[in-house]
Amino acid sequence: MGELTEHYRRLERMYLAAPVNNQLFENNITLKVSKENAELTLKILTKYFHPLNAIHGSIYFKLLDDAAFFAVNSIVEDAIVYTVSFNTHILRPVNSGIIRSIGHLKFKSKSLYVAESTLYDDSNNVVGMGTGNFLKSKIQLTEEIGYV
């Protein structure tokens, strides 16, 4: 297995092991990281709903931000990145099926990364979009943070 491929698998394991993802998604989510890209897949459950019986905006935000984040961290191999700002556009309600969030790196400089992500329902309709700015942190990718 190549060095980059191992980096991608470690990022995936780190994501799936994070307490927030375990509590919120309970093994109901997948992440696939590749160079400058990331894809999350989530089966819709009623526990993600607001009172109008569709997924809450916080789920849109989390999936869009996470996909963009991992698209960026796919090319940063020594430290974790962090979200500086993120704009979310909720376009359609979703209340069943599977949703996919696909993130792509769009810009990189010495200190700034910009990524965008798109959220699709299981009919391949765009239901949300997001764009974020990310910076490299001083926190190293280590076993202590789940990078194993």
N, C-alpha and C. Protein backbone atom coordinates (compact mmCIF):
# COMPACT_ATOMS: atom_id res chain seq x y z
N MET A 1 0.85 -1.18 0.00
CA MET A 1 0.00 0.00 0.00
C MET A 1 0.89 1.24 0.00
N GLY A 2 0.59 2.19 -0.85
CA GLY A 2 1.40 3.39 -0.94
C GLY A 2 1.26 4.28 0.28
N GLU A 3 2.23 5.15 0.44
CA GLU A 3 2.25 6.05 1.59
C GLU A 3 1.01 6.95 1.62
N LEU A 4 0.65 7.50 0.46
CA LEU A 4 -0.53 8.36 0.42
C LEU A 4 -1.80 7.58 0.71
N THR A 5 -1.92 6.39 0.15
CA THR A 5 -3.10 5.57 0.41
C THR A 5 -3.22 5.27 1.90
N GLU A 6 -2.13 4.99 2.57
CA GLU A 6 -2.16 4.74 4.01
C GLU A 6 -2.59 6.00 4.75
N HIS A 7 -2.13 7.16 4.31
CA HIS A 7 -2.57 8.44 4.90
C HIS A 7 -4.09 8.57 4.80
N TYR A 8 -4.65 8.26 3.65
CA TYR A 8 -6.10 8.36 3.45
C TYR A 8 -6.83 7.42 4.40
N ARG A 9 -6.37 6.18 4.51
CA ARG A 9 -7.03 5.19 5.40
C ARG A 9 -6.94 5.63 6.86
N ARG A 10 -5.81 6.23 7.26
CA ARG A 10 -5.67 6.72 8.63
C ARG A 10 -6.64 7.87 8.91
N LEU A 11 -6.81 8.76 7.93
CA LEU A 11 -7.78 9.84 8.09
C LEU A 11 -9.19 9.27 8.23
N GLU A 12 -9.52 8.28 7.44
CA GLU A 12 -10.84 7.64 7.52
C GLU A 12 -11.06 7.02 8.90
N ARG A 13 -10.07 6.30 9.40
CA ARG A 13 -10.20 5.67 10.72
C ARG A 13 -10.31 6.73 11.82
N MET A 14 -9.56 7.82 11.68
CA MET A 14 -9.62 8.90 12.66
C MET A 14 -11.04 9.48 12.71
N TYR A 15 -11.62 9.70 11.56
CA TYR A 15 -12.98 10.25 11.49
C TYR A 15 -13.99 9.32 12.15
N LEU A 16 -13.94 8.06 11.77
CA LEU A 16 -14.91 7.09 12.28
C LEU A 16 -14.77 6.86 13.78
N ALA A 17 -13.56 7.06 14.32
CA ALA A 17 -13.33 6.85 15.76
C ALA A 17 -13.64 8.07 16.61
N ALA A 18 -13.87 9.21 16.00
CA ALA A 18 -14.12 10.44 16.76
C ALA A 18 -15.40 10.30 17.58
N PRO A 19 -15.36 10.66 18.86
CA PRO A 19 -16.54 10.53 19.72
C PRO A 19 -17.80 11.19 19.16
N VAL A 20 -17.69 12.36 18.57
CA VAL A 20 -18.88 13.03 18.04
C VAL A 20 -19.51 12.20 16.93
N ASN A 21 -18.70 11.59 16.09
CA ASN A 21 -19.25 10.79 15.00
C ASN A 21 -19.83 9.48 15.51
N ASN A 22 -19.19 8.88 16.50
CA ASN A 22 -19.75 7.67 17.10
C ASN A 22 -21.10 7.94 17.73
N GLN A 23 -21.23 9.03 18.46
CA GLN A 23 -22.48 9.34 19.14
C GLN A 23 -23.56 9.75 18.15
N LEU A 24 -23.23 10.60 17.21
CA LEU A 24 -24.21 11.12 16.27
C LEU A 24 -24.63 10.10 15.22
N PHE A 25 -23.65 9.41 14.65
CA PHE A 25 -23.94 8.54 13.51
C PHE A 25 -23.95 7.05 13.82
N GLU A 26 -23.36 6.63 14.94
CA GLU A 26 -23.39 5.24 15.39
C GLU A 26 -23.14 4.23 14.26
N ASN A 27 -21.99 4.32 13.63
CA ASN A 27 -21.60 3.40 12.55
C ASN A 27 -22.54 3.44 11.35
N ASN A 28 -23.21 4.55 11.15
CA ASN A 28 -24.15 4.71 10.04
C ASN A 28 -23.58 5.61 8.94
N ILE A 29 -22.26 5.83 8.98
CA ILE A 29 -21.63 6.73 8.02
C ILE A 29 -20.36 6.10 7.49
N THR A 30 -20.04 6.40 6.25
CA THR A 30 -18.76 5.96 5.67
C THR A 30 -18.03 7.18 5.14
N LEU A 31 -16.72 7.08 5.10
CA LEU A 31 -15.85 8.13 4.56
C LEU A 31 -14.85 7.48 3.64
N LYS A 32 -14.68 8.06 2.46
CA LYS A 32 -13.66 7.62 1.50
C LYS A 32 -12.84 8.84 1.12
N VAL A 33 -11.53 8.80 1.42
CA VAL A 33 -10.63 9.92 1.13
C VAL A 33 -9.73 9.53 -0.03
N SER A 34 -9.51 10.46 -0.93
CA SER A 34 -8.53 10.31 -2.01
C SER A 34 -7.86 11.67 -2.21
N LYS A 35 -6.93 11.76 -3.11
CA LYS A 35 -6.18 13.00 -3.29
C LYS A 35 -7.12 14.16 -3.64
N GLU A 36 -7.16 15.16 -2.75
CA GLU A 36 -7.94 16.39 -2.91
C GLU A 36 -9.44 16.16 -2.95
N ASN A 37 -9.90 14.98 -2.50
CA ASN A 37 -11.31 14.64 -2.53
C ASN A 37 -11.69 13.83 -1.30
N ALA A 38 -12.96 13.91 -0.95
CA ALA A 38 -13.50 13.06 0.12
C ALA A 38 -14.99 12.88 -0.14
N GLU A 39 -15.50 11.70 0.24
CA GLU A 39 -16.92 11.41 0.09
C GLU A 39 -17.45 10.74 1.34
N LEU A 40 -18.51 11.32 1.87
CA LEU A 40 -19.23 10.77 3.02
C LEU A 40 -20.57 10.24 2.54
N THR A 41 -21.00 9.11 3.10
CA THR A 41 -22.30 8.54 2.79
C THR A 41 -23.02 8.26 4.10
N LEU A 42 -24.26 8.70 4.20
CA LEU A 42 -25.04 8.55 5.42
C LEU A 42 -26.45 8.08 5.09
N LYS A 43 -26.90 7.05 5.80
CA LYS A 43 -28.29 6.61 5.69
C LYS A 43 -29.12 7.52 6.60
N ILE A 44 -30.22 8.05 6.06
CA ILE A 44 -31.08 8.95 6.81
C ILE A 44 -31.88 8.17 7.85
N LEU A 45 -31.81 8.64 9.09
CA LEU A 45 -32.60 8.09 10.19
C LEU A 45 -33.45 9.21 10.78
N THR A 46 -34.57 8.87 11.37
CA THR A 46 -35.45 9.90 11.93
C THR A 46 -34.80 10.68 13.07
N LYS A 47 -33.79 10.12 13.70
CA LYS A 47 -33.13 10.86 14.78
C LYS A 47 -32.39 12.11 14.28
N TYR A 48 -32.21 12.24 12.96
CA TYR A 48 -31.57 13.43 12.39
C TYR A 48 -32.59 14.51 12.03
N PHE A 49 -33.88 14.27 12.29
CA PHE A 49 -34.96 15.15 11.84
C PHE A 49 -35.20 16.33 12.78
N HIS A 50 -35.66 17.43 12.19
CA HIS A 50 -36.25 18.54 12.94
C HIS A 50 -37.76 18.28 12.99
N PRO A 51 -38.55 19.16 13.63
CA PRO A 51 -39.99 18.89 13.78
C PRO A 51 -40.79 18.76 12.48
N LEU A 52 -40.24 19.19 11.36
CA LEU A 52 -40.96 19.08 10.08
C LEU A 52 -40.60 17.80 9.32
N ASN A 53 -40.00 16.84 10.03
CA ASN A 53 -39.72 15.50 9.49
C ASN A 53 -38.76 15.48 8.30
N ALA A 54 -37.72 16.28 8.38
CA ALA A 54 -36.62 16.23 7.41
C ALA A 54 -35.33 16.46 8.20
N ILE A 55 -34.19 16.17 7.60
CA ILE A 55 -32.94 16.29 8.35
C ILE A 55 -32.67 17.74 8.73
N HIS A 56 -32.15 17.90 9.93
CA HIS A 56 -31.83 19.22 10.48
C HIS A 56 -30.65 19.83 9.73
N GLY A 57 -30.62 21.14 9.66
CA GLY A 57 -29.54 21.86 8.99
C GLY A 57 -28.17 21.54 9.55
N SER A 58 -28.09 21.17 10.82
CA SER A 58 -26.79 20.83 11.40
C SER A 58 -26.20 19.59 10.75
N ILE A 59 -27.04 18.69 10.27
CA ILE A 59 -26.55 17.49 9.56
C ILE A 59 -26.00 17.90 8.20
N TYR A 60 -26.71 18.79 7.50
CA TYR A 60 -26.19 19.32 6.23
C TYR A 60 -24.81 19.93 6.46
N PHE A 61 -24.74 20.83 7.45
CA PHE A 61 -23.46 21.51 7.72
C PHE A 61 -22.36 20.50 8.02
N LYS A 62 -22.62 19.57 8.91
CA LYS A 62 -21.58 18.63 9.32
C LYS A 62 -21.08 17.81 8.14
N LEU A 63 -21.98 17.29 7.32
CA LEU A 63 -21.55 16.48 6.18
C LEU A 63 -20.79 17.31 5.15
N LEU A 64 -21.25 18.51 4.90
CA LEU A 64 -20.57 19.37 3.93
C LEU A 64 -19.19 19.81 4.44
N ASP A 65 -19.13 20.25 5.69
CA ASP A 65 -17.85 20.67 6.28
C ASP A 65 -16.88 19.50 6.36
N ASP A 66 -17.35 18.35 6.79
CA ASP A 66 -16.46 17.19 6.94
C ASP A 66 -15.89 16.75 5.59
N ALA A 67 -16.70 16.74 4.55
CA ALA A 67 -16.20 16.34 3.23
C ALA A 67 -15.15 17.33 2.72
N ALA A 68 -15.41 18.62 2.89
CA ALA A 68 -14.44 19.64 2.46
C ALA A 68 -13.16 19.53 3.30
N PHE A 69 -13.32 19.37 4.60
CA PHE A 69 -12.19 19.23 5.52
C PHE A 69 -11.26 18.10 5.10
N PHE A 70 -11.82 16.92 4.83
CA PHE A 70 -10.98 15.77 4.48
C PHE A 70 -10.41 15.87 3.08
N ALA A 71 -11.07 16.58 2.19
CA ALA A 71 -10.47 16.84 0.88
C ALA A 71 -9.19 17.64 1.06
N VAL A 72 -9.20 18.61 1.99
CA VAL A 72 -8.01 19.40 2.28
C VAL A 72 -6.97 18.55 3.01
N ASN A 73 -7.39 17.86 4.07
CA ASN A 73 -6.40 17.11 4.87
C ASN A 73 -5.78 15.95 4.09
N SER A 74 -6.39 15.59 2.97
CA SER A 74 -5.81 14.53 2.13
C SER A 74 -4.43 14.92 1.61
N ILE A 75 -4.18 16.21 1.46
CA ILE A 75 -2.86 16.63 0.95
C ILE A 75 -1.96 17.21 2.04
N VAL A 76 -2.47 17.30 3.26
CA VAL A 76 -1.66 17.74 4.40
C VAL A 76 -1.38 16.49 5.22
N GLU A 77 -0.14 16.02 5.16
CA GLU A 77 0.19 14.70 5.72
C GLU A 77 0.82 14.74 7.10
N ASP A 78 1.14 15.92 7.60
CA ASP A 78 1.85 15.97 8.89
C ASP A 78 1.04 16.60 10.02
N ALA A 79 -0.04 17.31 9.70
CA ALA A 79 -0.81 18.00 10.73
C ALA A 79 -2.29 17.99 10.36
N ILE A 80 -3.11 18.26 11.35
CA ILE A 80 -4.54 18.37 11.09
C ILE A 80 -4.84 19.78 10.62
N VAL A 81 -5.82 19.92 9.75
CA VAL A 81 -6.26 21.25 9.35
C VAL A 81 -7.47 21.62 10.20
N TYR A 82 -7.89 22.85 10.12
CA TYR A 82 -9.10 23.24 10.82
C TYR A 82 -9.90 24.22 9.96
N THR A 83 -11.19 24.21 10.21
CA THR A 83 -12.10 25.08 9.47
C THR A 83 -12.04 26.48 10.06
N VAL A 84 -11.78 27.46 9.21
CA VAL A 84 -11.76 28.86 9.63
C VAL A 84 -13.13 29.49 9.40
N SER A 85 -13.73 29.16 8.27
CA SER A 85 -15.08 29.63 7.96
C SER A 85 -15.71 28.63 7.00
N PHE A 86 -17.05 28.58 7.05
CA PHE A 86 -17.75 27.65 6.16
C PHE A 86 -19.14 28.20 5.88
N ASN A 87 -19.48 28.33 4.60
CA ASN A 87 -20.81 28.76 4.17
C ASN A 87 -21.60 27.54 3.73
N THR A 88 -22.82 27.43 4.24
CA THR A 88 -23.68 26.30 3.93
C THR A 88 -24.94 26.80 3.23
N HIS A 89 -25.32 26.11 2.17
CA HIS A 89 -26.55 26.41 1.45
C HIS A 89 -27.42 25.16 1.47
N ILE A 90 -28.56 25.25 2.13
CA ILE A 90 -29.51 24.15 2.21
C ILE A 90 -30.54 24.38 1.10
N LEU A 91 -30.60 23.46 0.15
CA LEU A 91 -31.41 23.67 -1.04
C LEU A 91 -32.72 22.89 -1.06
N ARG A 92 -32.73 21.69 -0.49
CA ARG A 92 -33.93 20.85 -0.51
C ARG A 92 -34.00 20.04 0.78
N PRO A 93 -35.21 19.78 1.26
CA PRO A 93 -35.34 18.90 2.42
C PRO A 93 -35.11 17.44 2.02
N VAL A 94 -34.61 16.67 2.96
CA VAL A 94 -34.39 15.24 2.75
C VAL A 94 -34.95 14.52 3.97
N ASN A 95 -35.72 13.45 3.74
CA ASN A 95 -36.29 12.72 4.87
C ASN A 95 -36.20 11.20 4.74
N SER A 96 -35.51 10.72 3.71
CA SER A 96 -35.34 9.28 3.58
C SER A 96 -34.18 8.99 2.63
N GLY A 97 -33.77 7.74 2.65
CA GLY A 97 -32.74 7.31 1.72
C GLY A 97 -31.33 7.50 2.25
N ILE A 98 -30.43 7.67 1.31
CA ILE A 98 -29.00 7.83 1.60
C ILE A 98 -28.55 9.15 0.99
N ILE A 99 -27.75 9.91 1.74
CA ILE A 99 -27.19 11.14 1.20
C ILE A 99 -25.67 11.00 1.11
N ARG A 100 -25.12 11.67 0.10
CA ARG A 100 -23.66 11.67 -0.12
C ARG A 100 -23.16 13.10 -0.13
N SER A 101 -22.07 13.33 0.56
CA SER A 101 -21.42 14.63 0.56
C SER A 101 -20.05 14.45 -0.09
N ILE A 102 -19.82 15.17 -1.17
CA ILE A 102 -18.57 15.04 -1.91
C ILE A 102 -17.82 16.36 -1.84
N GLY A 103 -16.59 16.30 -1.30
CA GLY A 103 -15.76 17.48 -1.14
C GLY A 103 -14.57 17.47 -2.09
N HIS A 104 -14.19 18.65 -2.55
CA HIS A 104 -13.06 18.83 -3.46
C HIS A 104 -12.22 20.03 -3.03
N LEU A 105 -10.93 19.88 -3.06
CA LEU A 105 -10.02 21.01 -2.85
C LEU A 105 -10.09 21.90 -4.08
N LYS A 106 -10.27 23.19 -3.88
CA LYS A 106 -10.37 24.13 -5.01
C LYS A 106 -9.18 25.08 -5.10
N PHE A 107 -8.51 25.36 -3.97
CA PHE A 107 -7.42 26.32 -3.96
C PHE A 107 -6.49 25.99 -2.81
N LYS A 108 -5.19 26.19 -3.05
CA LYS A 108 -4.22 26.04 -1.97
C LYS A 108 -3.12 27.06 -2.16
N SER A 109 -2.69 27.60 -1.04
CA SER A 109 -1.53 28.48 -1.02
C SER A 109 -0.66 28.03 0.14
N LYS A 110 0.32 28.82 0.49
CA LYS A 110 1.21 28.43 1.59
C LYS A 110 0.46 28.24 2.90
N SER A 111 -0.55 29.06 3.14
CA SER A 111 -1.22 28.99 4.43
C SER A 111 -2.74 28.80 4.37
N LEU A 112 -3.35 28.90 3.20
CA LEU A 112 -4.80 28.84 3.09
C LEU A 112 -5.22 27.77 2.10
N TYR A 113 -6.28 27.05 2.46
CA TYR A 113 -6.89 26.06 1.59
C TYR A 113 -8.37 26.40 1.47
N VAL A 114 -8.91 26.27 0.27
CA VAL A 114 -10.34 26.47 0.04
C VAL A 114 -10.88 25.19 -0.57
N ALA A 115 -11.98 24.71 0.00
CA ALA A 115 -12.62 23.50 -0.53
C ALA A 115 -14.12 23.73 -0.61
N GLU A 116 -14.74 23.00 -1.53
CA GLU A 116 -16.19 23.06 -1.63
C GLU A 116 -16.74 21.65 -1.58
N SER A 117 -17.99 21.56 -1.22
CA SER A 117 -18.64 20.26 -1.14
C SER A 117 -20.08 20.38 -1.60
N THR A 118 -20.60 19.25 -2.07
CA THR A 118 -21.97 19.17 -2.55
C THR A 118 -22.63 17.97 -1.91
N LEU A 119 -23.87 18.15 -1.48
CA LEU A 119 -24.63 17.08 -0.84
C LEU A 119 -25.73 16.63 -1.79
N TYR A 120 -25.80 15.31 -2.02
CA TYR A 120 -26.74 14.71 -2.96
C TYR A 120 -27.67 13.75 -2.23
N ASP A 121 -28.94 13.71 -2.66
CA ASP A 121 -29.83 12.68 -2.14
C ASP A 121 -29.64 11.41 -2.97
N ASP A 122 -30.43 10.37 -2.67
CA ASP A 122 -30.19 9.11 -3.37
C ASP A 122 -30.77 9.09 -4.79
N SER A 123 -31.42 10.18 -5.21
CA SER A 123 -31.82 10.34 -6.62
C SER A 123 -30.84 11.23 -7.37
N ASN A 124 -29.72 11.53 -6.71
CA ASN A 124 -28.64 12.36 -7.26
C ASN A 124 -29.04 13.83 -7.44
N ASN A 125 -30.07 14.27 -6.71
CA ASN A 125 -30.43 15.69 -6.68
C ASN A 125 -29.48 16.41 -5.73
N VAL A 126 -29.06 17.61 -6.09
CA VAL A 126 -28.26 18.43 -5.19
C VAL A 126 -29.21 18.98 -4.12
N VAL A 127 -28.89 18.69 -2.85
CA VAL A 127 -29.74 19.14 -1.74
C VAL A 127 -29.04 20.16 -0.86
N GLY A 128 -27.72 20.31 -1.04
CA GLY A 128 -26.95 21.28 -0.27
C GLY A 128 -25.59 21.51 -0.89
N MET A 129 -25.01 22.67 -0.58
CA MET A 129 -23.67 23.00 -1.06
C MET A 129 -22.95 23.79 0.03
N GLY A 130 -21.62 23.73 0.01
CA GLY A 130 -20.85 24.50 0.97
C GLY A 130 -19.47 24.83 0.45
N THR A 131 -18.92 25.90 0.99
CA THR A 131 -17.55 26.32 0.68
C THR A 131 -16.89 26.73 1.98
N GLY A 132 -15.64 26.26 2.16
CA GLY A 132 -14.94 26.58 3.39
C GLY A 132 -13.51 26.98 3.20
N ASN A 133 -13.01 27.71 4.18
CA ASN A 133 -11.59 28.09 4.26
C ASN A 133 -10.97 27.30 5.40
N PHE A 134 -9.77 26.77 5.15
CA PHE A 134 -9.10 25.90 6.11
C PHE A 134 -7.64 26.32 6.25
N LEU A 135 -7.12 26.15 7.46
CA LEU A 135 -5.71 26.42 7.74
C LEU A 135 -5.07 25.18 8.35
N LYS A 136 -3.78 25.06 8.16
CA LYS A 136 -3.02 23.97 8.78
C LYS A 136 -2.75 24.34 10.23
N SER A 137 -3.03 23.40 11.12
CA SER A 137 -2.79 23.66 12.55
C SER A 137 -1.37 23.22 12.94
N LYS A 138 -1.05 23.41 14.19
CA LYS A 138 0.23 22.94 14.73
C LYS A 138 0.08 21.56 15.37
N ILE A 139 -1.13 21.00 15.30
CA ILE A 139 -1.39 19.69 15.90
C ILE A 139 -0.99 18.60 14.91
N GLN A 140 -0.04 17.81 15.30
CA GLN A 140 0.48 16.76 14.44
C GLN A 140 -0.51 15.61 14.33
N LEU A 141 -0.50 14.94 13.18
CA LEU A 141 -1.30 13.74 12.98
C LEU A 141 -0.59 12.59 13.70
N THR A 142 -1.14 12.18 14.83
CA THR A 142 -0.52 11.15 15.66
C THR A 142 -1.58 10.17 16.14
N GLU A 143 -1.12 9.07 16.73
CA GLU A 143 -2.02 8.08 17.31
C GLU A 143 -2.89 8.70 18.39
N GLU A 144 -2.36 9.66 19.13
CA GLU A 144 -3.11 10.28 20.24
C GLU A 144 -4.42 10.92 19.78
N ILE A 145 -4.49 11.34 18.54
CA ILE A 145 -5.74 11.94 18.03
C ILE A 145 -6.50 10.97 17.13
N GLY A 146 -6.09 9.71 17.14
CA GLY A 146 -6.81 8.69 16.38
C GLY A 146 -6.29 8.43 14.99
N TYR A 147 -5.17 9.03 14.64
CA TYR A 147 -4.57 8.82 13.32
C TYR A 147 -3.75 7.54 13.38
N VAL A 148 -4.43 6.42 13.19
CA VAL A 148 -3.77 5.10 13.30
C VAL A 148 -4.05 4.26 12.07
